Amino acid sequence: MSAYIVDNVTIDRIVTWIEDRMRIIFPVLYDRLMKEVRAPFYNREDAIGLALLAMNVRAVNERYRETNPVPAYRYVCRGPVTDIQALKSLQCLRYQCSEGSVPESKLYTLINDIISDLAQHIVSFLPQYEAAEWG
C-alpha cells in the first residue's frame, strides 16, 4: 500500500462539509471533533484542517520513515460540498492515514465514525432503501 499527503482541496472540502452540514446532521460527532482538534471558535476551519493534515503527514512519515513537516494550511471554502463528495473525500483521507500507529489515534477513530454515520445517512435517503422491505 502506498500513501501520500492529500491536497488542500481535499482537506478544504472536508472542512467545508464539516462546518456546513456535519454540525447540523451529526451534532454529537461535531462536538467530539471540536474537542479532539481543540478548535477555537474564532478559527475553527483552520484548526480542523490543520489537525487532519497533520494526521495525514504523520501517517506518511511513519509509512516511509520520513520527517516531512506539516505544511502551512489556510482554509479555503469549497462549498457547497455534497454529502457524497464529503464521503469520498473522507474515505480518501482515511486511506492515506492508514499507516503506522495513526489508525489507533482518537482522530482517526472519529473519522471512521463520521464515515460510517455519513454512509448510513446517505443510504437511508435512497429510493431503493425506502422501497426495500423491513423485516
N, C-alpha and C. Protein backbone atom coordinates (compact mmCIF):
# COMPACT_ATOMS: atom_id res chain seq x y z
N MET A 1 0.84 -1.18 0.00
CA MET A 1 0.00 0.00 0.00
C MET A 1 0.89 1.24 0.00
N SER A 2 0.53 2.19 -0.82
CA SER A 2 1.26 3.46 -0.81
C SER A 2 0.38 4.53 -0.19
N ALA A 3 1.01 5.53 0.34
CA ALA A 3 0.27 6.63 0.96
C ALA A 3 0.86 7.95 0.50
N TYR A 4 0.03 8.97 0.47
CA TYR A 4 0.51 10.29 0.10
C TYR A 4 -0.22 11.33 0.93
N ILE A 5 0.30 12.54 0.93
CA ILE A 5 -0.32 13.65 1.62
C ILE A 5 -1.37 14.23 0.68
N VAL A 6 -2.61 14.25 1.13
CA VAL A 6 -3.70 14.75 0.28
C VAL A 6 -3.51 16.23 0.02
N ASP A 7 -4.13 16.71 -1.05
CA ASP A 7 -4.01 18.13 -1.38
C ASP A 7 -4.95 18.97 -0.52
N ASN A 8 -4.71 20.25 -0.53
CA ASN A 8 -5.54 21.17 0.27
C ASN A 8 -6.99 21.19 -0.18
N VAL A 9 -7.25 20.92 -1.45
CA VAL A 9 -8.63 20.90 -1.93
C VAL A 9 -9.42 19.81 -1.20
N THR A 10 -8.81 18.65 -1.01
CA THR A 10 -9.48 17.55 -0.30
C THR A 10 -9.76 17.97 1.15
N ILE A 11 -8.76 18.53 1.81
CA ILE A 11 -8.96 18.98 3.19
C ILE A 11 -10.02 20.08 3.24
N ASP A 12 -9.96 21.03 2.32
CA ASP A 12 -10.94 22.12 2.28
C ASP A 12 -12.37 21.59 2.10
N ARG A 13 -12.53 20.60 1.23
CA ARG A 13 -13.86 20.02 1.03
C ARG A 13 -14.38 19.40 2.33
N ILE A 14 -13.53 18.67 3.00
CA ILE A 14 -13.93 18.03 4.25
C ILE A 14 -14.32 19.09 5.28
N VAL A 15 -13.48 20.10 5.43
CA VAL A 15 -13.74 21.15 6.42
C VAL A 15 -15.01 21.91 6.06
N THR A 16 -15.20 22.22 4.79
CA THR A 16 -16.43 22.91 4.36
C THR A 16 -17.65 22.10 4.73
N TRP A 17 -17.61 20.80 4.43
CA TRP A 17 -18.75 19.93 4.76
C TRP A 17 -18.96 19.86 6.27
N ILE A 18 -17.88 19.75 7.03
CA ILE A 18 -18.00 19.69 8.49
C ILE A 18 -18.72 20.92 9.01
N GLU A 19 -18.33 22.09 8.55
CA GLU A 19 -18.93 23.33 9.04
C GLU A 19 -20.34 23.58 8.48
N ASP A 20 -20.59 23.18 7.24
CA ASP A 20 -21.89 23.44 6.63
C ASP A 20 -22.94 22.38 6.95
N ARG A 21 -22.54 21.12 7.03
CA ARG A 21 -23.51 20.02 7.14
C ARG A 21 -23.36 19.19 8.41
N MET A 22 -22.13 18.79 8.71
CA MET A 22 -21.94 17.85 9.82
C MET A 22 -22.44 18.42 11.14
N ARG A 23 -22.19 19.67 11.38
CA ARG A 23 -22.61 20.25 12.66
C ARG A 23 -24.13 20.25 12.81
N ILE A 24 -24.84 20.17 11.67
CA ILE A 24 -26.31 20.14 11.70
C ILE A 24 -26.84 18.71 11.79
N ILE A 25 -26.31 17.81 10.95
CA ILE A 25 -26.87 16.45 10.90
C ILE A 25 -26.24 15.50 11.92
N PHE A 26 -25.04 15.81 12.39
CA PHE A 26 -24.37 14.97 13.38
C PHE A 26 -23.77 15.83 14.50
N PRO A 27 -24.61 16.52 15.27
CA PRO A 27 -24.08 17.46 16.27
C PRO A 27 -23.20 16.80 17.34
N VAL A 28 -23.49 15.58 17.72
CA VAL A 28 -22.67 14.91 18.74
C VAL A 28 -21.28 14.62 18.19
N LEU A 29 -21.21 14.11 16.96
CA LEU A 29 -19.91 13.87 16.33
C LEU A 29 -19.16 15.19 16.12
N TYR A 30 -19.89 16.22 15.77
CA TYR A 30 -19.28 17.54 15.57
C TYR A 30 -18.63 18.02 16.87
N ASP A 31 -19.35 17.89 17.97
CA ASP A 31 -18.81 18.30 19.26
C ASP A 31 -17.57 17.48 19.63
N ARG A 32 -17.62 16.18 19.36
CA ARG A 32 -16.45 15.33 19.62
C ARG A 32 -15.25 15.80 18.80
N LEU A 33 -15.50 16.13 17.54
CA LEU A 33 -14.42 16.58 16.67
C LEU A 33 -13.83 17.90 17.17
N MET A 34 -14.69 18.83 17.56
CA MET A 34 -14.20 20.12 18.05
C MET A 34 -13.33 19.95 19.29
N LYS A 35 -13.72 19.04 20.17
CA LYS A 35 -12.93 18.78 21.38
C LYS A 35 -11.61 18.10 21.01
N GLU A 36 -11.66 17.17 20.07
CA GLU A 36 -10.46 16.43 19.69
C GLU A 36 -9.41 17.33 19.03
N VAL A 37 -9.85 18.21 18.15
CA VAL A 37 -8.88 19.07 17.46
C VAL A 37 -8.65 20.37 18.22
N ARG A 38 -9.37 20.55 19.33
CA ARG A 38 -9.23 21.76 20.16
C ARG A 38 -9.38 23.02 19.31
N ALA A 39 -10.44 23.02 18.53
CA ALA A 39 -10.68 24.14 17.60
C ALA A 39 -11.24 25.34 18.33
N PRO A 40 -10.55 26.48 18.26
CA PRO A 40 -11.10 27.69 18.87
C PRO A 40 -12.27 28.19 18.05
N PHE A 41 -13.20 28.85 18.68
CA PHE A 41 -14.39 29.33 17.99
C PHE A 41 -14.05 30.27 16.84
N TYR A 42 -13.08 31.12 17.04
CA TYR A 42 -12.77 32.16 16.06
C TYR A 42 -11.99 31.65 14.84
N ASN A 43 -11.42 30.47 14.91
CA ASN A 43 -10.59 29.97 13.79
C ASN A 43 -10.76 28.46 13.62
N ARG A 44 -11.99 28.00 13.70
CA ARG A 44 -12.27 26.56 13.65
C ARG A 44 -11.79 25.91 12.38
N GLU A 45 -12.08 26.51 11.25
CA GLU A 45 -11.79 25.89 9.96
C GLU A 45 -10.30 25.59 9.81
N ASP A 46 -9.46 26.56 10.13
CA ASP A 46 -8.01 26.33 10.03
C ASP A 46 -7.56 25.23 11.00
N ALA A 47 -8.10 25.25 12.21
CA ALA A 47 -7.70 24.25 13.22
C ALA A 47 -8.11 22.83 12.80
N ILE A 48 -9.31 22.69 12.27
CA ILE A 48 -9.77 21.37 11.82
C ILE A 48 -8.90 20.88 10.67
N GLY A 49 -8.73 21.73 9.67
CA GLY A 49 -7.93 21.34 8.51
C GLY A 49 -6.50 21.00 8.88
N LEU A 50 -5.91 21.78 9.75
CA LEU A 50 -4.54 21.53 10.17
C LEU A 50 -4.42 20.21 10.93
N ALA A 51 -5.39 19.90 11.77
CA ALA A 51 -5.37 18.63 12.51
C ALA A 51 -5.47 17.44 11.56
N LEU A 52 -6.35 17.55 10.56
CA LEU A 52 -6.50 16.46 9.59
C LEU A 52 -5.23 16.31 8.76
N LEU A 53 -4.68 17.42 8.32
CA LEU A 53 -3.45 17.39 7.54
C LEU A 53 -2.28 16.84 8.35
N ALA A 54 -2.18 17.23 9.61
CA ALA A 54 -1.11 16.73 10.48
C ALA A 54 -1.22 15.22 10.68
N MET A 55 -2.45 14.71 10.80
CA MET A 55 -2.64 13.27 10.93
C MET A 55 -2.16 12.57 9.67
N ASN A 56 -2.47 13.14 8.52
CA ASN A 56 -2.06 12.57 7.23
C ASN A 56 -0.54 12.57 7.09
N VAL A 57 0.11 13.68 7.44
CA VAL A 57 1.56 13.77 7.36
C VAL A 57 2.21 12.75 8.29
N ARG A 58 1.66 12.62 9.48
CA ARG A 58 2.20 11.63 10.43
C ARG A 58 2.14 10.21 9.85
N ALA A 59 1.02 9.87 9.22
CA ALA A 59 0.89 8.53 8.63
C ALA A 59 1.91 8.32 7.52
N VAL A 60 2.08 9.30 6.66
CA VAL A 60 3.05 9.19 5.56
C VAL A 60 4.47 9.10 6.13
N ASN A 61 4.76 9.91 7.12
CA ASN A 61 6.09 9.85 7.74
C ASN A 61 6.36 8.49 8.36
N GLU A 62 5.37 7.93 9.02
CA GLU A 62 5.56 6.61 9.62
C GLU A 62 5.70 5.53 8.55
N ARG A 63 4.94 5.66 7.48
CA ARG A 63 4.99 4.66 6.40
C ARG A 63 6.36 4.63 5.73
N TYR A 64 6.90 5.80 5.44
CA TYR A 64 8.14 5.88 4.67
C TYR A 64 9.36 6.26 5.51
N ARG A 65 9.17 6.34 6.83
CA ARG A 65 10.26 6.71 7.74
C ARG A 65 10.89 8.04 7.32
N GLU A 66 10.01 9.00 7.09
CA GLU A 66 10.43 10.33 6.68
C GLU A 66 10.13 11.32 7.81
N THR A 67 10.53 12.55 7.59
CA THR A 67 10.27 13.61 8.57
C THR A 67 9.68 14.84 7.89
N ASN A 68 8.70 14.61 7.02
CA ASN A 68 8.05 15.74 6.36
C ASN A 68 7.40 16.64 7.40
N PRO A 69 7.60 17.95 7.29
CA PRO A 69 6.90 18.86 8.21
C PRO A 69 5.44 18.99 7.77
N VAL A 70 4.61 19.37 8.70
CA VAL A 70 3.21 19.64 8.35
C VAL A 70 3.21 20.98 7.61
N PRO A 71 2.71 20.98 6.37
CA PRO A 71 2.72 22.24 5.61
C PRO A 71 1.77 23.27 6.21
N ALA A 72 2.03 24.51 5.92
CA ALA A 72 1.13 25.58 6.35
C ALA A 72 -0.24 25.32 5.72
N TYR A 73 -1.27 25.63 6.46
CA TYR A 73 -2.62 25.41 5.95
C TYR A 73 -3.49 26.61 6.29
N ARG A 74 -4.20 27.08 5.28
CA ARG A 74 -5.22 28.11 5.45
C ARG A 74 -6.46 27.63 4.71
N TYR A 75 -7.55 27.58 5.42
CA TYR A 75 -8.81 27.10 4.87
C TYR A 75 -9.32 27.99 3.74
N VAL A 76 -9.81 27.33 2.68
CA VAL A 76 -10.50 28.00 1.58
C VAL A 76 -11.85 27.31 1.41
N CYS A 77 -12.92 28.06 1.46
CA CYS A 77 -14.26 27.49 1.31
C CYS A 77 -14.41 26.85 -0.06
N ARG A 78 -14.84 25.61 -0.09
CA ARG A 78 -15.03 24.88 -1.35
C ARG A 78 -16.50 24.51 -1.52
N GLY A 79 -17.37 25.28 -0.95
CA GLY A 79 -18.77 24.90 -0.90
C GLY A 79 -19.57 25.29 -2.11
N PRO A 80 -20.76 24.77 -2.17
CA PRO A 80 -21.23 23.74 -1.24
C PRO A 80 -20.64 22.37 -1.58
N VAL A 81 -20.48 21.56 -0.56
CA VAL A 81 -19.95 20.20 -0.72
C VAL A 81 -21.08 19.23 -0.40
N THR A 82 -21.40 18.36 -1.35
CA THR A 82 -22.46 17.39 -1.13
C THR A 82 -22.02 16.34 -0.12
N ASP A 83 -23.00 15.64 0.45
CA ASP A 83 -22.68 14.55 1.37
C ASP A 83 -21.86 13.47 0.68
N ILE A 84 -22.18 13.20 -0.57
CA ILE A 84 -21.46 12.15 -1.30
C ILE A 84 -20.01 12.57 -1.56
N GLN A 85 -19.79 13.83 -1.95
CA GLN A 85 -18.42 14.31 -2.13
C GLN A 85 -17.66 14.27 -0.82
N ALA A 86 -18.31 14.66 0.26
CA ALA A 86 -17.67 14.63 1.58
C ALA A 86 -17.28 13.20 1.95
N LEU A 87 -18.18 12.26 1.69
CA LEU A 87 -17.88 10.86 2.00
C LEU A 87 -16.65 10.38 1.24
N LYS A 88 -16.60 10.68 -0.04
CA LYS A 88 -15.47 10.23 -0.85
C LYS A 88 -14.17 10.91 -0.40
N SER A 89 -14.22 12.19 -0.09
CA SER A 89 -13.03 12.89 0.39
C SER A 89 -12.57 12.35 1.75
N LEU A 90 -13.52 12.07 2.65
CA LEU A 90 -13.19 11.49 3.94
C LEU A 90 -12.59 10.09 3.79
N GLN A 91 -13.15 9.31 2.87
CA GLN A 91 -12.60 7.96 2.64
C GLN A 91 -11.19 8.03 2.07
N CYS A 92 -10.93 8.98 1.18
CA CYS A 92 -9.59 9.18 0.63
C CYS A 92 -8.62 9.54 1.76
N LEU A 93 -9.01 10.49 2.59
CA LEU A 93 -8.15 10.88 3.71
C LEU A 93 -7.89 9.70 4.64
N ARG A 94 -8.93 8.97 4.98
CA ARG A 94 -8.76 7.81 5.87
C ARG A 94 -7.77 6.81 5.27
N TYR A 95 -7.90 6.53 4.01
CA TYR A 95 -7.00 5.58 3.35
C TYR A 95 -5.56 6.07 3.43
N GLN A 96 -5.34 7.35 3.19
CA GLN A 96 -3.98 7.90 3.22
C GLN A 96 -3.43 7.98 4.64
N CYS A 97 -4.29 7.84 5.63
CA CYS A 97 -3.86 7.88 7.03
C CYS A 97 -3.78 6.50 7.67
N SER A 98 -3.95 5.47 6.87
CA SER A 98 -3.99 4.09 7.41
C SER A 98 -2.61 3.48 7.55
N GLU A 99 -1.67 4.22 8.06
CA GLU A 99 -0.29 3.76 8.19
C GLU A 99 0.21 3.95 9.61
N GLY A 100 1.16 3.11 9.99
CA GLY A 100 1.80 3.23 11.29
C GLY A 100 0.81 3.14 12.43
N SER A 101 1.00 3.99 13.41
CA SER A 101 0.13 3.99 14.59
C SER A 101 -1.07 4.93 14.45
N VAL A 102 -1.17 5.62 13.34
CA VAL A 102 -2.25 6.60 13.15
C VAL A 102 -3.63 5.98 13.29
N PRO A 103 -3.89 4.77 12.76
CA PRO A 103 -5.24 4.20 12.92
C PRO A 103 -5.65 3.95 14.38
N GLU A 104 -4.70 4.02 15.29
CA GLU A 104 -5.02 3.87 16.71
C GLU A 104 -5.34 5.20 17.38
N SER A 105 -5.20 6.30 16.65
CA SER A 105 -5.42 7.62 17.24
C SER A 105 -6.91 7.92 17.38
N LYS A 106 -7.24 8.82 18.30
CA LYS A 106 -8.63 9.21 18.52
C LYS A 106 -9.20 9.92 17.30
N LEU A 107 -8.39 10.74 16.64
CA LEU A 107 -8.88 11.47 15.48
C LEU A 107 -9.21 10.52 14.33
N TYR A 108 -8.36 9.54 14.09
CA TYR A 108 -8.62 8.55 13.04
C TYR A 108 -9.91 7.78 13.35
N THR A 109 -10.06 7.36 14.60
CA THR A 109 -11.27 6.64 15.01
C THR A 109 -12.50 7.50 14.81
N LEU A 110 -12.39 8.77 15.10
CA LEU A 110 -13.50 9.69 14.91
C LEU A 110 -13.84 9.84 13.43
N ILE A 111 -12.82 9.91 12.58
CA ILE A 111 -13.06 9.97 11.13
C ILE A 111 -13.79 8.72 10.68
N ASN A 112 -13.40 7.56 11.20
CA ASN A 112 -14.12 6.32 10.88
C ASN A 112 -15.58 6.42 11.28
N ASP A 113 -15.85 6.93 12.48
CA ASP A 113 -17.24 7.08 12.94
C ASP A 113 -18.03 8.02 12.04
N ILE A 114 -17.40 9.10 11.63
CA ILE A 114 -18.07 10.07 10.75
C ILE A 114 -18.40 9.41 9.41
N ILE A 115 -17.44 8.68 8.84
CA ILE A 115 -17.65 8.00 7.57
C ILE A 115 -18.80 7.01 7.69
N SER A 116 -18.82 6.24 8.75
CA SER A 116 -19.87 5.24 8.94
C SER A 116 -21.25 5.90 9.05
N ASP A 117 -21.35 6.93 9.87
CA ASP A 117 -22.64 7.60 10.04
C ASP A 117 -23.08 8.32 8.76
N LEU A 118 -22.13 8.91 8.06
CA LEU A 118 -22.47 9.61 6.81
C LEU A 118 -22.94 8.62 5.75
N ALA A 119 -22.26 7.50 5.61
CA ALA A 119 -22.68 6.49 4.63
C ALA A 119 -24.09 6.00 4.94
N GLN A 120 -24.36 5.74 6.20
CA GLN A 120 -25.71 5.30 6.60
C GLN A 120 -26.74 6.39 6.32
N HIS A 121 -26.38 7.62 6.58
CA HIS A 121 -27.27 8.75 6.31
C HIS A 121 -27.61 8.84 4.81
N ILE A 122 -26.59 8.72 3.98
CA ILE A 122 -26.79 8.80 2.53
C ILE A 122 -27.70 7.67 2.05
N VAL A 123 -27.41 6.46 2.47
CA VAL A 123 -28.20 5.30 2.04
C VAL A 123 -29.65 5.41 2.49
N SER A 124 -29.86 5.93 3.69
CA SER A 124 -31.23 5.98 4.22
C SER A 124 -32.15 6.89 3.41
N PHE A 125 -31.60 7.76 2.56
CA PHE A 125 -32.40 8.63 1.72
C PHE A 125 -32.52 8.15 0.27
N LEU A 126 -31.93 7.02 -0.04
CA LEU A 126 -32.02 6.49 -1.40
C LEU A 126 -33.40 5.89 -1.64
N PRO A 127 -33.95 6.07 -2.83
CA PRO A 127 -35.27 5.49 -3.13
C PRO A 127 -35.27 3.96 -2.97
N GLN A 128 -34.17 3.33 -3.32
CA GLN A 128 -34.08 1.87 -3.19
C GLN A 128 -34.20 1.44 -1.72
N TYR A 129 -33.63 2.23 -0.85
CA TYR A 129 -33.71 1.92 0.58
C TYR A 129 -35.14 2.10 1.07
N GLU A 130 -35.75 3.20 0.65
CA GLU A 130 -37.15 3.46 1.04
C GLU A 130 -38.07 2.35 0.54
N ALA A 131 -37.82 1.82 -0.66
CA ALA A 131 -38.67 0.80 -1.25
C ALA A 131 -38.40 -0.60 -0.69
N ALA A 132 -37.25 -0.81 -0.07
CA ALA A 132 -36.91 -2.14 0.45
C ALA A 132 -37.82 -2.49 1.62
N GLU A 133 -38.09 -3.80 1.75
CA GLU A 133 -38.97 -4.27 2.83
C GLU A 133 -38.23 -4.30 4.16
N TRP A 134 -38.99 -3.99 5.19
CA TRP A 134 -38.46 -4.05 6.55
C TRP A 134 -38.88 -5.39 7.15
N GLY A 135 -37.91 -6.21 7.45
CA GLY A 135 -38.21 -7.49 8.07
C GLY A 135 -38.34 -8.63 7.09
